[in-house]
C-alpha cells in the first residue's frame, strides 16, 4: 500500500474546493437558468453530426459542437459529485474545539 503524502491531501482538498464552488455556482436558481441557457444555445441534446445539404457531414463543425458539449458534460459530471464540508472551505463556518 502506498503512503498518502501531504501533496495528495492538498490535491484532494483543492479538488473538493472546486466541487464545492461548482455547487455554489450552479445549484441555485440562477445557476440552473444559466446551465439551461447554455444547453439550449449549444444544442446540448442535438446530434453532433448533422448532414449537410447534398449529403455528407462537416467534420469540423461536428468537432466544434462536440467540444461545446464536452464543457457542459464536464459541469454536469462535477455536479454529480457530492459537495462536502463548509460551503466555503476558505472561510469555514464550523469551529473545531480541542481538549
Protein backbone atom coordinates (compact mmCIF):
# COMPACT_ATOMS: atom_id res chain seq x y z
CA UNK A 1 0.00 0.00 0.00
CA UNK A 2 1.39 3.42 -0.89
CA UNK A 3 1.67 6.25 1.59
CA UNK A 4 -0.52 9.30 1.32
CA UNK A 5 1.57 12.44 1.13
CA UNK A 6 0.76 15.97 2.21
CA UNK A 7 0.60 16.86 -1.50
CA UNK A 8 -2.06 14.15 -2.01
CA UNK A 9 -4.12 15.60 0.83
CA UNK A 10 -3.82 19.14 -0.51
CA UNK A 11 -4.76 17.94 -4.02
CA UNK A 12 -7.87 16.26 -2.59
CA UNK A 13 -8.75 19.41 -0.64
CA UNK A 14 -8.30 21.54 -3.76
CA UNK A 15 -10.50 19.16 -5.76
CA UNK A 16 -13.19 19.37 -3.08
CA UNK A 17 -12.94 23.17 -3.08
CA UNK A 18 -13.56 23.09 -6.83
CA UNK A 19 -16.53 20.73 -6.48
CA UNK A 20 -17.99 22.93 -3.74
CA UNK A 21 -17.51 26.03 -5.93
CA UNK A 22 -19.39 24.39 -8.82
CA UNK A 23 -22.24 23.59 -6.43
CA UNK A 24 -22.34 27.18 -5.14
CA UNK A 25 -22.47 28.49 -8.71
CA UNK A 26 -24.81 26.00 -10.39
CA UNK A 27 -27.12 24.73 -7.60
CA UNK A 28 -29.19 27.86 -7.21
CA UNK A 29 -31.95 29.13 -9.42
CA UNK A 30 -29.61 31.45 -11.35
CA UNK A 31 -27.07 28.70 -11.97
CA UNK A 32 -29.75 26.33 -13.21
CA UNK A 33 -31.07 29.05 -15.51
CA UNK A 34 -27.57 29.67 -16.91
CA UNK A 35 -26.98 25.93 -17.49
CA UNK A 36 -30.34 25.60 -19.26
CA UNK A 37 -29.46 28.58 -21.46
CA UNK A 38 -26.02 27.15 -22.31
CA UNK A 39 -27.53 23.77 -23.16
CA UNK A 40 -30.07 25.47 -25.40
CA UNK A 41 -27.54 27.79 -27.04
CA UNK A 42 -25.10 24.98 -27.85
CA UNK A 43 -27.65 22.33 -28.84
CA UNK A 44 -26.70 20.03 -25.99
CA UNK A 45 -29.34 17.42 -26.88
CA UNK A 46 -28.94 17.76 -30.64
CA UNK A 47 -26.78 15.37 -32.67
CA UNK A 48 -23.16 16.40 -33.13
CA UNK A 49 -23.06 15.19 -36.74
CA UNK A 50 -25.61 16.98 -38.90
CA UNK A 51 -26.00 16.06 -42.55
CA UNK A 52 -25.05 18.81 -44.98
CA UNK A 53 -27.23 19.81 -47.86
CA UNK A 54 -26.29 17.46 -50.67
CA UNK A 55 -25.11 14.73 -48.27
CA UNK A 56 -22.10 14.11 -46.12
CA UNK A 57 -21.05 15.65 -42.86
CA UNK A 58 -18.96 18.66 -41.89
CA UNK A 59 -16.43 17.09 -39.53
CA UNK A 60 -15.04 20.46 -38.42
CA UNK A 61 -18.49 21.66 -37.40
CA UNK A 62 -19.05 18.36 -35.58
CA UNK A 63 -15.76 18.74 -33.70
CA UNK A 64 -16.71 22.25 -32.55
CA UNK A 65 -20.16 21.08 -31.44
CA UNK A 66 -18.65 18.14 -29.59
CA UNK A 67 -16.22 20.46 -27.81
CA UNK A 68 -19.07 22.71 -26.70
CA UNK A 69 -20.98 19.68 -25.49
CA UNK A 70 -17.97 18.36 -23.54
CA UNK A 71 -17.84 21.55 -21.46
CA UNK A 72 -21.46 21.10 -20.44
CA UNK A 73 -20.92 17.39 -19.73
CA UNK A 74 -17.98 18.34 -17.51
CA UNK A 75 -20.16 20.69 -15.45
CA UNK A 76 -22.85 18.00 -15.18
CA UNK A 77 -20.27 15.41 -14.06
CA UNK A 78 -18.90 17.67 -11.33
CA UNK A 79 -22.42 18.45 -10.16
CA UNK A 80 -22.94 14.70 -9.69
CA UNK A 81 -20.12 14.70 -7.13
CA UNK A 82 -21.02 15.48 -3.54
CA UNK A 83 -20.38 18.91 -2.08
CA UNK A 84 -18.80 18.28 1.32
CA UNK A 85 -17.67 20.41 4.16
CA UNK A 86 -18.42 24.05 4.55
CA UNK A 87 -19.87 25.84 1.57
CA UNK A 88 -16.76 27.99 1.59
CA UNK A 89 -13.73 25.97 2.71
CA UNK A 90 -11.59 29.10 2.64
CA UNK A 91 -13.68 30.70 5.40
CA UNK A 92 -15.01 27.77 7.45
CA UNK A 93 -18.24 28.21 9.34
CA UNK A 94 -17.52 25.28 11.68
CA UNK A 95 -15.12 25.56 14.57
CA UNK A 96 -13.36 22.56 15.99
CA UNK A 97 -12.58 22.56 19.68
CA UNK A 98 -9.69 20.60 21.05
CA UNK A 99 -9.32 19.38 24.59
